[in-house]
């Protein structure tokens, strides 16, 4: 009888820890979506076939397969072998969506986003230097 009680207690504890972890991941995903929305130009392509769109309920983070086609209403049309998912900011996500989001992050999404931002910042800096040099030569 003691084994059953211990097993039930362990299961309860594991379930509670899982729920807390999923809740923390969901909050981190929401924070990332808002950070991207506030800091990345809307027309800048995100890495790994991702996109953030404005919906009536807020912002939605979408990951498309590289071969997927998107229509004007952004409904998902599966056309490849990769996983497609979306997370609507602030709404409860399924376990599968959270696992796919976790995998996207583990596969280097944040590193690729940082590289894109650094590259664009470098281009801005180079262009600024060129303009300043031109203006100085004309003064």
Protein backbone atom coordinates (compact mmCIF):
# COMPACT_ATOMS: atom_id res chain seq x y z
CA UNK A 1 0.00 0.00 0.00
CA UNK A 2 2.89 2.33 0.79
CA UNK A 3 4.25 1.95 -2.78
CA UNK A 4 0.92 3.09 -4.22
CA UNK A 5 0.80 6.11 -1.91
CA UNK A 6 4.40 7.01 -2.80
CA UNK A 7 3.66 6.60 -6.50
CA UNK A 8 0.58 8.81 -6.33
CA UNK A 9 2.52 11.46 -4.39
CA UNK A 10 5.36 11.30 -6.93
CA UNK A 11 2.90 11.57 -9.82
CA UNK A 12 1.23 14.58 -8.19
CA UNK A 13 4.60 16.26 -7.61
CA UNK A 14 5.76 15.57 -11.19
CA UNK A 15 2.51 16.87 -12.63
CA UNK A 16 2.75 20.02 -10.55
CA UNK A 17 6.38 20.62 -11.62
CA UNK A 18 5.44 20.03 -15.27
CA UNK A 19 2.60 22.54 -15.05
CA UNK A 20 4.86 25.16 -13.45
CA UNK A 21 7.55 24.60 -16.10
CA UNK A 22 5.02 24.89 -18.92
CA UNK A 23 3.65 28.08 -17.35
CA UNK A 24 7.16 29.59 -17.11
CA UNK A 25 7.90 28.65 -20.72
CA UNK A 26 4.61 30.21 -21.82
CA UNK A 27 5.50 33.42 -19.99
CA UNK A 28 8.99 33.44 -21.56
CA UNK A 29 7.44 32.93 -25.00
CA UNK A 30 5.06 35.85 -24.42
CA UNK A 31 7.96 38.04 -23.30
CA UNK A 32 9.96 37.10 -26.40
CA UNK A 33 7.00 37.81 -28.69
CA UNK A 34 6.56 41.26 -27.14
CA UNK A 35 10.28 42.00 -27.27
CA UNK A 36 10.43 41.11 -30.95
CA UNK A 37 7.30 43.12 -31.67
CA UNK A 38 8.73 46.18 -29.89
CA UNK A 39 12.34 45.95 -31.12
CA UNK A 40 12.39 44.36 -34.57
CA UNK A 41 11.18 46.29 -37.61
CA UNK A 42 7.91 44.83 -38.84
CA UNK A 43 9.27 44.17 -42.34
CA UNK A 44 12.44 42.44 -41.12
CA UNK A 45 12.44 38.72 -41.88
CA UNK A 46 12.79 36.61 -38.76
CA UNK A 47 15.03 33.54 -38.82
CA UNK A 48 13.84 29.96 -39.30
CA UNK A 49 10.69 30.85 -41.26
CA UNK A 50 9.07 32.63 -38.32
CA UNK A 51 6.77 35.61 -38.33
CA UNK A 52 4.81 37.69 -35.86
CA UNK A 53 1.45 38.96 -36.98
CA UNK A 54 -1.10 41.24 -35.39
CA UNK A 55 -4.40 39.54 -34.67
CA UNK A 56 -7.61 40.90 -33.17
CA UNK A 57 -6.53 39.29 -29.87
CA UNK A 58 -2.93 40.54 -29.84
CA UNK A 59 0.21 39.11 -31.40
CA UNK A 60 0.77 35.67 -32.81
CA UNK A 61 4.16 34.01 -33.23
CA UNK A 62 4.07 31.62 -36.18
CA UNK A 63 6.65 29.14 -37.39
CA UNK A 64 6.19 27.97 -40.96
CA UNK A 65 7.83 25.05 -42.66
CA UNK A 66 10.25 26.34 -45.31
CA UNK A 67 8.02 24.90 -48.03
CA UNK A 68 4.70 26.11 -46.67
CA UNK A 69 2.57 28.50 -48.62
CA UNK A 70 0.70 31.28 -46.83
CA UNK A 71 -2.46 32.91 -48.01
CA UNK A 72 -3.57 36.45 -47.20
CA UNK A 73 -5.38 35.43 -44.02
CA UNK A 74 -2.24 33.59 -42.83
CA UNK A 75 -4.07 30.30 -42.43
CA UNK A 76 -1.64 27.46 -42.21
CA UNK A 77 -1.40 25.21 -45.24
CA UNK A 78 0.90 22.30 -44.52
CA UNK A 79 3.02 21.57 -47.57
CA UNK A 80 6.20 19.97 -46.25
CA UNK A 81 7.70 17.68 -43.68
CA UNK A 82 8.51 20.26 -40.97
CA UNK A 83 6.34 21.20 -38.05
CA UNK A 84 4.13 24.26 -38.21
CA UNK A 85 2.89 25.90 -35.03
CA UNK A 86 1.68 29.18 -33.67
CA UNK A 87 1.51 30.75 -30.24
CA UNK A 88 -1.04 33.47 -29.64
CA UNK A 89 0.35 35.79 -26.99
CA UNK A 90 -1.40 35.38 -23.67
CA UNK A 91 -3.42 32.29 -24.57
CA UNK A 92 -2.84 28.81 -23.28
CA UNK A 93 -0.71 26.76 -25.66
CA UNK A 94 -0.82 23.04 -26.17
CA UNK A 95 2.00 20.82 -24.98
CA UNK A 96 2.95 20.19 -28.61
CA UNK A 97 3.20 23.93 -29.39
CA UNK A 98 5.39 24.51 -26.34
CA UNK A 99 7.66 21.60 -27.26
CA UNK A 100 7.97 22.86 -30.85
CA UNK A 101 8.71 26.38 -29.59
CA UNK A 102 11.36 24.95 -27.24
CA UNK A 103 12.92 23.03 -30.12
CA UNK A 104 12.98 26.18 -32.27
CA UNK A 105 14.87 28.03 -29.53
CA UNK A 106 17.22 25.06 -29.01
CA UNK A 107 17.88 24.98 -32.77
CA UNK A 108 19.36 28.47 -32.61
CA UNK A 109 16.51 30.91 -33.25
CA UNK A 110 17.83 33.47 -30.76
CA UNK A 111 21.41 33.19 -32.06
CA UNK A 112 20.24 33.70 -35.63
CA UNK A 113 18.10 36.66 -34.61
CA UNK A 114 21.09 38.22 -32.82
CA UNK A 115 23.24 37.72 -35.92
CA UNK A 116 20.63 39.39 -38.12
CA UNK A 117 20.41 42.37 -35.77
CA UNK A 118 24.19 42.71 -35.55
CA UNK A 119 24.51 42.57 -39.32
CA UNK A 120 21.85 45.24 -39.80
CA UNK A 121 23.40 47.45 -37.11
CA UNK A 122 26.76 47.12 -38.89
CA UNK A 123 25.17 48.16 -42.17
CA UNK A 124 23.62 51.20 -40.46
CA UNK A 125 26.96 52.13 -38.93
CA UNK A 126 28.79 51.77 -42.28
CA UNK A 127 26.15 53.83 -44.06
CA UNK A 128 26.27 56.52 -41.38
CA UNK A 129 30.05 56.75 -41.74
CA UNK A 130 29.73 57.05 -45.54
CA UNK A 131 27.15 59.81 -45.25
CA UNK A 132 29.20 61.70 -42.67
CA UNK A 133 32.31 61.41 -44.85
CA UNK A 134 30.37 62.68 -47.89
CA UNK A 135 28.83 65.60 -46.00
CA UNK A 136 32.23 66.54 -44.51
CA UNK A 137 33.81 66.55 -47.99
CA UNK A 138 31.12 68.89 -49.29
CA UNK A 139 31.36 71.38 -46.43
